Amino acid sequence: MNLNWHFLYSPLGVLRLLQLLVGATIIILTAMSGFQGLVYFALFMSTFFCLTTLILFFITLLDKYRVGVNVIHDLLATVLYIALMGIMIDQTLYHSYCNIEDYRLPCAYNVFLRAAVCCRFCLVLYFFSTCYQ
């Protein structure tokens, strides 16, 4: 079995590793927030794209590279991460009531804010990956 080690150090390989890292961060932040409404969809989609990115990473590392599949995957991920970012922004605004200084009860505002920022970063990574190919 021959591995494509040049891919690992290429810009596309670095983008894939960053996508996996940020995707895992989004999964952790979404799971920490508590499940309600559209957060289920956000958790499912971020998990789905993290797993498919991992599969495509290993397929490309094994030198079975298909440009069309990767472009479609990255384009679809870019479009759906726009929706995920919108969901996280909506949840952040919904929980903004507890962003006051002396609020004592647990609040998911900061978690949703971090998840929205991570979704934006992941959106940019997938967009760069789409353009790079």
Protein backbone atom coordinates (compact mmCIF):
# COMPACT_ATOMS: atom_id res chain seq x y z
CA MET A 1 0.00 0.00 0.00
CA ASN A 2 1.49 3.28 -1.12
CA LEU A 3 0.54 6.46 0.72
CA ASN A 4 0.52 9.87 -0.90
CA TRP A 5 2.66 11.74 1.66
CA HIS A 6 2.96 14.78 -0.62
CA PHE A 7 -0.78 15.35 -0.17
CA LEU A 8 -0.35 15.58 3.58
CA TYR A 9 2.00 18.55 3.23
CA SER A 10 0.18 20.21 0.34
CA PRO A 11 -2.15 23.19 0.87
CA LEU A 12 -5.18 20.95 0.26
CA GLY A 13 -3.96 18.45 2.87
CA VAL A 14 -3.46 21.23 5.41
CA LEU A 15 -6.95 22.57 4.59
CA ARG A 16 -8.44 19.10 5.15
CA LEU A 17 -6.72 18.75 8.52
CA LEU A 18 -7.94 22.21 9.58
CA GLN A 19 -11.46 21.33 8.43
CA LEU A 20 -11.36 18.21 10.58
CA LEU A 21 -10.07 20.13 13.60
CA VAL A 22 -12.60 22.94 13.34
CA GLY A 23 -15.41 20.49 12.53
CA ALA A 24 -14.64 18.51 15.68
CA THR A 25 -14.65 21.76 17.65
CA ILE A 26 -18.10 22.62 16.27
CA ILE A 27 -19.37 19.16 17.22
CA ILE A 28 -18.08 19.55 20.78
CA LEU A 29 -19.48 23.08 21.15
CA THR A 30 -22.86 22.08 19.73
CA ALA A 31 -23.06 19.07 22.03
CA MET A 32 -22.17 21.27 25.03
CA SER A 33 -24.96 23.72 24.29
CA GLY A 34 -27.86 21.43 25.04
CA PHE A 35 -30.19 20.13 22.40
CA GLN A 36 -33.11 22.19 21.22
CA GLY A 37 -34.80 22.82 17.90
CA LEU A 38 -32.44 23.46 15.03
CA VAL A 39 -29.39 22.57 17.09
CA TYR A 40 -30.13 18.92 16.24
CA PHE A 41 -29.75 19.77 12.55
CA ALA A 42 -26.53 21.69 13.20
CA LEU A 43 -25.07 18.80 15.18
CA PHE A 44 -26.04 16.28 12.50
CA MET A 45 -24.65 18.33 9.61
CA SER A 46 -21.39 19.20 11.33
CA THR A 47 -20.89 15.54 12.25
CA PHE A 48 -21.78 14.42 8.73
CA PHE A 49 -19.31 16.78 7.07
CA CYS A 50 -16.59 16.02 9.60
CA LEU A 51 -16.92 12.30 8.88
CA THR A 52 -17.12 12.70 5.10
CA THR A 53 -14.08 15.00 5.19
CA LEU A 54 -12.22 12.34 7.17
CA ILE A 55 -13.19 9.69 4.60
CA LEU A 56 -12.14 11.90 1.69
CA PHE A 57 -8.88 12.70 3.48
CA PHE A 58 -8.01 9.02 3.79
CA ILE A 59 -9.11 8.25 0.23
CA THR A 60 -6.86 11.00 -1.07
CA LEU A 61 -4.04 9.88 1.21
CA LEU A 62 -4.36 6.39 -0.30
CA ASP A 63 -3.92 8.01 -3.74
CA LYS A 64 -7.47 7.34 -4.95
CA TYR A 65 -8.11 11.03 -5.64
CA ARG A 66 -11.29 12.11 -7.42
CA VAL A 67 -11.48 15.83 -8.13
CA GLY A 68 -15.20 15.88 -8.91
CA VAL A 69 -16.23 14.21 -5.68
CA ASN A 70 -14.07 16.54 -3.60
CA VAL A 71 -15.35 19.67 -5.38
CA ILE A 72 -18.99 18.65 -4.94
CA HIS A 73 -18.38 17.77 -1.28
CA ASP A 74 -16.61 21.06 -0.56
CA LEU A 75 -19.22 23.12 -2.42
CA LEU A 76 -22.07 21.41 -0.59
CA ALA A 77 -20.27 21.87 2.73
CA THR A 78 -19.72 25.56 1.97
CA VAL A 79 -23.41 26.12 1.26
CA LEU A 80 -24.61 24.16 4.29
CA TYR A 81 -22.13 25.79 6.65
CA ILE A 82 -23.79 29.09 5.72
CA ALA A 83 -27.02 27.62 7.10
CA LEU A 84 -25.22 26.28 10.19
CA MET A 85 -23.69 29.68 10.83
CA GLY A 86 -27.15 31.24 10.56
CA ILE A 87 -28.55 28.72 13.05
CA MET A 88 -25.76 29.45 15.52
CA ILE A 89 -26.18 33.22 15.13
CA ASP A 90 -29.94 32.82 15.68
CA GLN A 91 -29.33 30.74 18.83
CA THR A 92 -26.77 33.29 20.04
CA LEU A 93 -29.30 36.11 19.64
CA TYR A 94 -31.98 33.99 21.32
CA HIS A 95 -29.74 33.49 24.36
CA SER A 96 -28.47 37.07 24.50
CA TYR A 97 -30.68 37.85 27.50
CA CYS A 98 -28.21 36.12 29.81
CA ASN A 99 -25.21 38.07 28.60
CA ILE A 100 -25.37 40.53 31.44
CA GLU A 101 -22.76 40.93 34.11
CA ASP A 102 -24.61 39.64 37.18
CA TYR A 103 -26.58 36.79 35.58
CA ARG A 104 -26.06 33.72 37.78
CA LEU A 105 -27.88 30.89 35.96
CA PRO A 106 -26.11 28.72 33.37
CA CYS A 107 -26.36 30.11 29.88
CA ALA A 108 -25.36 28.80 26.46
CA TYR A 109 -24.72 32.27 24.98
CA ASN A 110 -20.93 31.96 24.93
CA VAL A 111 -21.07 28.41 23.59
CA PHE A 112 -23.31 29.44 20.68
CA LEU A 113 -21.14 32.48 20.01
CA ARG A 114 -18.01 30.30 19.82
CA ALA A 115 -19.84 27.79 17.61
CA ALA A 116 -20.92 30.60 15.26
CA VAL A 117 -17.32 31.80 14.96
CA CYS A 118 -16.11 28.23 14.32
CA CYS A 119 -18.83 27.76 11.68
CA ARG A 120 -17.62 30.90 9.95
CA PHE A 121 -14.02 29.66 10.03
CA CYS A 122 -15.05 26.24 8.71
CA LEU A 123 -17.10 27.93 5.97
CA VAL A 124 -14.02 29.86 4.86
CA LEU A 125 -11.89 26.69 4.93
CA TYR A 126 -14.34 24.76 2.76
CA PHE A 127 -14.63 27.73 0.39
CA PHE A 128 -10.85 27.91 0.00
CA SER A 129 -10.77 24.15 -0.54
CA THR A 130 -13.41 24.47 -3.27
CA CYS A 131 -11.52 27.28 -4.99
CA TYR A 132 -8.14 25.57 -4.66
CA GLN A 133 -9.23 22.52 -6.59
